[in-house]
Amino acid sequence: MPMEREGEFVWLVRHGYMRPELVAELNTELEHIVGNGLWEQKWSGPCPPPHPKGDS
């Protein structure tokens, strides 16, 4: 279950329901999404400019 509040976003998973390999794969994918500007959290204030193409 995703949980979000200002400053953090986490996935809550019942202990024993996700193998460590899947945790590692999801973390890699989330790092890619966030690191390439495909997902940004905005709670208040102006939006930052989009990431230039090719910037990773």
PDB file of N, CA and C in Angstrom:
ATOM      1  N   MET A   1       0.843  -1.157   0.000  1.00  0.00           N
ATOM      2  CA  MET A   1       0.000   0.000   0.000  1.00  0.00           C
ATOM      3  C   MET A   1       0.900   1.234   0.000  1.00  0.00           C
ATOM      4  N   PRO A   2       0.700   2.164  -0.945  1.00  0.00           N
ATOM      5  CA  PRO A   2       1.514   3.378  -0.941  1.00  0.00           C
ATOM      6  C   PRO A   2       1.053   4.342   0.141  1.00  0.00           C
ATOM      7  N   MET A   3       2.020   4.981   0.786  1.00  0.00           N
ATOM      8  CA  MET A   3       1.743   5.993   1.809  1.00  0.00           C
ATOM      9  C   MET A   3       2.579   7.222   1.464  1.00  0.00           C
ATOM     10  N   GLU A   4       1.936   8.378   1.466  1.00  0.00           N
ATOM     11  CA  GLU A   4       2.642   9.602   1.110  1.00  0.00           C
ATOM     12  C   GLU A   4       2.301  10.686   2.121  1.00  0.00           C
ATOM     13  N   ARG A   5       3.329  11.436   2.467  1.00  0.00           N
ATOM     14  CA  ARG A   5       3.158  12.651   3.255  1.00  0.00           C
ATOM     15  C   ARG A   5       4.318  13.555   2.894  1.00  0.00           C
ATOM     16  N   GLU A   6       4.211  14.819   3.250  1.00  0.00           N
ATOM     17  CA  GLU A   6       5.224  15.771   2.819  1.00  0.00           C
ATOM     18  C   GLU A   6       6.620  15.296   3.196  1.00  0.00           C
ATOM     19  N   GLY A   7       7.462  15.159   2.176  1.00  0.00           N
ATOM     20  CA  GLY A   7       8.850  14.781   2.393  1.00  0.00           C
ATOM     21  C   GLY A   7       9.156  13.315   2.212  1.00  0.00           C
ATOM     22  N   GLU A   8       8.137  12.469   2.074  1.00  0.00           N
ATOM     23  CA  GLU A   8       8.444  11.045   1.898  1.00  0.00           C
ATOM     24  C   GLU A   8       7.304  10.295   1.220  1.00  0.00           C
ATOM     25  N   PHE A   9       7.678   9.223   0.585  1.00  0.00           N
ATOM     26  CA  PHE A   9       6.729   8.317  -0.053  1.00  0.00           C
ATOM     27  C   PHE A   9       7.271   6.913   0.177  1.00  0.00           C
ATOM     28  N   VAL A  10       6.471   6.040   0.722  1.00  0.00           N
ATOM     29  CA  VAL A  10       6.902   4.665   0.989  1.00  0.00           C
ATOM     30  C   VAL A  10       5.811   3.682   0.574  1.00  0.00           C
ATOM     31  N   TRP A  11       6.230   2.471   0.304  1.00  0.00           N
ATOM     32  CA  TRP A  11       5.295   1.372   0.058  1.00  0.00           C
ATOM     33  C   TRP A  11       5.291   0.505   1.305  1.00  0.00           C
ATOM     34  N   LEU A  12       4.119   0.292   1.862  1.00  0.00           N
ATOM     35  CA  LEU A  12       3.989  -0.586   3.018  1.00  0.00           C
ATOM     36  C   LEU A  12       3.675  -1.991   2.510  1.00  0.00           C
ATOM     37  N   VAL A  13       4.478  -2.949   2.944  1.00  0.00           N
ATOM     38  CA  VAL A  13       4.307  -4.342   2.519  1.00  0.00           C
ATOM     39  C   VAL A  13       4.323  -5.216   3.766  1.00  0.00           C
ATOM     40  N   ARG A  14       3.353  -6.081   3.860  1.00  0.00           N
ATOM     41  CA  ARG A  14       3.304  -6.990   5.008  1.00  0.00           C
ATOM     42  C   ARG A  14       4.546  -7.866   5.023  1.00  0.00           C
ATOM     43  N   HIS A  15       5.151  -7.986   6.195  1.00  0.00           N
ATOM     44  CA  HIS A  15       6.377  -8.770   6.350  1.00  0.00           C
ATOM     45  C   HIS A  15       6.179 -10.173   5.761  1.00  0.00           C
ATOM     46  N   GLY A  16       7.128 -10.591   4.943  1.00  0.00           N
ATOM     47  CA  GLY A  16       7.091 -11.921   4.352  1.00  0.00           C
ATOM     48  C   GLY A  16       6.339 -12.007   3.031  1.00  0.00           C
ATOM     49  N   TYR A  17       5.749 -10.906   2.560  1.00  0.00           N
ATOM     50  CA  TYR A  17       4.970 -10.927   1.330  1.00  0.00           C
ATOM     51  C   TYR A  17       5.747 -10.434   0.117  1.00  0.00           C
ATOM     52  N   MET A  18       6.986 -10.009   0.292  1.00  0.00           N
ATOM     53  CA  MET A  18       7.786  -9.540  -0.829  1.00  0.00           C
ATOM     54  C   MET A  18       9.211 -10.055  -0.663  1.00  0.00           C
ATOM     55  N   ARG A  19       9.673 -10.762  -1.669  1.00  0.00           N
ATOM     56  CA  ARG A  19      11.027 -11.296  -1.612  1.00  0.00           C
ATOM     57  C   ARG A  19      12.048 -10.176  -1.763  1.00  0.00           C
ATOM     58  N   PRO A  20      13.225 -10.338  -1.165  1.00  0.00           N
ATOM     59  CA  PRO A  20      14.260  -9.294  -1.247  1.00  0.00           C
ATOM     60  C   PRO A  20      14.616  -8.914  -2.685  1.00  0.00           C
ATOM     61  N   GLU A  21      14.559  -9.865  -3.601  1.00  0.00           N
ATOM     62  CA  GLU A  21      14.871  -9.573  -5.012  1.00  0.00           C
ATOM     63  C   GLU A  21      13.872  -8.569  -5.587  1.00  0.00           C
ATOM     64  N   LEU A  22      12.607  -8.709  -5.223  1.00  0.00           N
ATOM     65  CA  LEU A  22      11.591  -7.784  -5.717  1.00  0.00           C
ATOM     66  C   LEU A  22      11.771  -6.406  -5.088  1.00  0.00           C
ATOM     67  N   VAL A  23      12.115  -6.359  -3.819  1.00  0.00           N
ATOM     68  CA  VAL A  23      12.389  -5.078  -3.152  1.00  0.00           C
ATOM     69  C   VAL A  23      13.504  -4.345  -3.901  1.00  0.00           C
ATOM     70  N   ALA A  24      14.579  -5.046  -4.212  1.00  0.00           N
ATOM     71  CA  ALA A  24      15.715  -4.447  -4.921  1.00  0.00           C
ATOM     72  C   ALA A  24      15.294  -3.965  -6.311  1.00  0.00           C
ATOM     73  N   GLU A  25      14.502  -4.760  -7.018  1.00  0.00           N
ATOM     74  CA  GLU A  25      14.039  -4.373  -8.357  1.00  0.00           C
ATOM     75  C   GLU A  25      13.147  -3.127  -8.296  1.00  0.00           C
ATOM     76  N   LEU A  26      12.219  -3.094  -7.351  1.00  0.00           N
ATOM     77  CA  LEU A  26      11.348  -1.920  -7.210  1.00  0.00           C
ATOM     78  C   LEU A  26      12.145  -0.676  -6.849  1.00  0.00           C
ATOM     79  N   ASN A  27      13.110  -0.806  -5.949  1.00  0.00           N
ATOM     80  CA  ASN A  27      13.946   0.338  -5.588  1.00  0.00           C
ATOM     81  C   ASN A  27      14.719   0.863  -6.792  1.00  0.00           C
ATOM     82  N   THR A  28      15.240  -0.026  -7.624  1.00  0.00           N
ATOM     83  CA  THR A  28      15.953   0.380  -8.835  1.00  0.00           C
ATOM     84  C   THR A  28      15.027   1.144  -9.771  1.00  0.00           C
ATOM     85  N   GLU A  29      13.817   0.632  -9.979  1.00  0.00           N
ATOM     86  CA  GLU A  29      12.857   1.295 -10.861  1.00  0.00           C
ATOM     87  C   GLU A  29      12.445   2.658 -10.312  1.00  0.00           C
ATOM     88  N   LEU A  30      12.201   2.742  -9.010  1.00  0.00           N
ATOM     89  CA  LEU A  30      11.816   4.023  -8.416  1.00  0.00           C
ATOM     90  C   LEU A  30      12.948   5.033  -8.506  1.00  0.00           C
ATOM     91  N   GLU A  31      14.183   4.605  -8.306  1.00  0.00           N
ATOM     92  CA  GLU A  31      15.328   5.504  -8.450  1.00  0.00           C
ATOM     93  C   GLU A  31      15.409   6.033  -9.879  1.00  0.00           C
ATOM     94  N   HIS A  32      15.129   5.189 -10.857  1.00  0.00           N
ATOM     95  CA  HIS A  32      15.137   5.614 -12.262  1.00  0.00           C
ATOM     96  C   HIS A  32      14.043   6.652 -12.516  1.00  0.00           C
ATOM     97  N   ILE A  33      12.837   6.363 -12.039  1.00  0.00           N
ATOM     98  CA  ILE A  33      11.701   7.259 -12.268  1.00  0.00           C
ATOM     99  C   ILE A  33      11.955   8.630 -11.640  1.00  0.00           C
ATOM    100  N   VAL A  34      12.382   8.638 -10.396  1.00  0.00           N
ATOM    101  CA  VAL A  34      12.618   9.904  -9.700  1.00  0.00           C
ATOM    102  C   VAL A  34      13.864  10.599 -10.250  1.00  0.00           C
ATOM    103  N   GLY A  35      14.933   9.830 -10.472  1.00  0.00           N
ATOM    104  CA  GLY A  35      16.195  10.404 -10.940  1.00  0.00           C
ATOM    105  C   GLY A  35      16.113  11.026 -12.313  1.00  0.00           C
ATOM    106  N   ASN A  36      15.170  10.573 -13.137  1.00  0.00           N
ATOM    107  CA  ASN A  36      15.012  11.113 -14.489  1.00  0.00           C
ATOM    108  C   ASN A  36      13.859  12.101 -14.589  1.00  0.00           C
ATOM    109  N   GLY A  37      13.341  12.532 -13.448  1.00  0.00           N
ATOM    110  CA  GLY A  37      12.308  13.564 -13.443  1.00  0.00           C
ATOM    111  C   GLY A  37      10.950  13.099 -13.931  1.00  0.00           C
ATOM    112  N   LEU A  38      10.719  11.790 -13.943  1.00  0.00           N
ATOM    113  CA  LEU A  38       9.437  11.274 -14.394  1.00  0.00           C
ATOM    114  C   LEU A  38       8.377  11.328 -13.296  1.00  0.00           C
ATOM    115  N   TRP A  39       8.809  11.531 -12.059  1.00  0.00           N
ATOM    116  CA  TRP A  39       7.882  11.646 -10.938  1.00  0.00           C
ATOM    117  C   TRP A  39       8.463  12.646  -9.951  1.00  0.00           C
ATOM    118  N   GLU A  40       7.700  13.660  -9.643  1.00  0.00           N
ATOM    119  CA  GLU A  40       8.116  14.651  -8.669  1.00  0.00           C
ATOM    120  C   GLU A  40       6.988  14.847  -7.680  1.00  0.00           C
ATOM    121  N   GLN A  41       7.333  15.030  -6.436  1.00  0.00           N
ATOM    122  CA  GLN A  41       6.339  15.323  -5.411  1.00  0.00           C
ATOM    123  C   GLN A  41       6.315  16.833  -5.200  1.00  0.00           C
ATOM    124  N   LYS A  42       5.126  17.392  -5.243  1.00  0.00           N
ATOM    125  CA  LYS A  42       4.967  18.837  -5.074  1.00  0.00           C
ATOM    126  C   LYS A  42       3.865  19.076  -4.055  1.00  0.00           C
ATOM    127  N   TRP A  43       4.220  19.664  -2.923  1.00  0.00           N
ATOM    128  CA  TRP A  43       3.220  19.922  -1.896  1.00  0.00           C
ATOM    129  C   TRP A  43       2.848  21.391  -1.811  1.00  0.00           C
ATOM    130  N   SER A  44       3.804  22.269  -2.015  1.00  0.00           N
ATOM    131  CA  SER A  44       3.508  23.695  -1.942  1.00  0.00           C
ATOM    132  C   SER A  44       4.583  24.466  -2.695  1.00  0.00           C
ATOM    133  N   GLY A  45       4.295  25.690  -2.999  1.00  0.00           N
ATOM    134  CA  GLY A  45       5.272  26.530  -3.675  1.00  0.00           C
ATOM    135  C   GLY A  45       5.266  26.309  -5.170  1.00  0.00           C
ATOM    136  N   PRO A  46       6.102  27.078  -5.868  1.00  0.00           N
ATOM    137  CA  PRO A  46       6.153  26.973  -7.334  1.00  0.00           C
ATOM    138  C   PRO A  46       6.764  25.656  -7.795  1.00  0.00           C
ATOM    139  N   CYS A  47       6.373  25.221  -8.958  1.00  0.00           N
ATOM    140  CA  CYS A  47       6.917  23.994  -9.545  1.00  0.00           C
ATOM    141  C   CYS A  47       8.284  24.297 -10.156  1.00  0.00           C
ATOM    142  N   PRO A  48       9.244  23.410  -9.957  1.00  0.00           N
ATOM    143  CA  PRO A  48      10.548  23.620 -10.576  1.00  0.00           C
ATOM    144  C   PRO A  48      10.449  23.375 -12.085  1.00  0.00           C
ATOM    145  N   PRO A  49      11.379  23.932 -12.870  1.00  0.00           N
ATOM    146  CA  PRO A  49      11.334  23.683 -14.316  1.00  0.00           C
ATOM    147  C   PRO A  49      11.574  22.206 -14.602  1.00  0.00           C
ATOM    148  N   PRO A  50      11.044  21.700 -15.729  1.00  0.00           N
ATOM    149  CA  PRO A  50      11.260  20.282 -16.056  1.00  0.00           C
ATOM    150  C   PRO A  50      12.722  19.994 -16.328  1.00  0.00           C
ATOM    151  N   HIS A  51      13.109  18.741 -16.146  1.00  0.00           N
ATOM    152  CA  HIS A  51      14.484  18.325 -16.406  1.00  0.00           C
ATOM    153  C   HIS A  51      14.750  18.388 -17.905  1.00  0.00           C
ATOM    154  N   PRO A  52      15.912  18.914 -18.307  1.00  0.00           N
ATOM    155  CA  PRO A  52      16.229  18.920 -19.745  1.00  0.00           C
ATOM    156  C   PRO A  52      16.416  17.501 -20.257  1.00  0.00           C
ATOM    157  N   LYS A  53      16.110  17.297 -21.527  1.00  0.00           N
ATOM    158  CA  LYS A  53      16.272  15.964 -22.128  1.00  0.00           C
ATOM    159  C   LYS A  53      17.726  15.544 -22.038  1.00  0.00           C
ATOM    160  N   GLY A  54      17.925  14.257 -21.742  1.00  0.00           N
ATOM    161  CA  GLY A  54      19.269  13.714 -21.648  1.00  0.00           C
ATOM    162  C   GLY A  54      19.902  13.900 -20.285  1.00  0.00           C
ATOM    163  N   ASP A  55      19.249  14.642 -19.411  1.00  0.00           N
ATOM    164  CA  ASP A  55      19.764  14.833 -18.053  1.00  0.00           C
ATOM    165  C   ASP A  55      19.313  13.672 -17.193  1.00  0.00           C
ATOM    166  N   SER A  56      20.248  13.000 -16.546  1.00  0.00           N
ATOM    167  CA  SER A  56      19.833  11.874 -15.690  1.00  0.00           C
ATOM    168  C   SER A  56      20.415  11.960 -14.319  1.00  0.00           C
TER     169      SER A  56
END
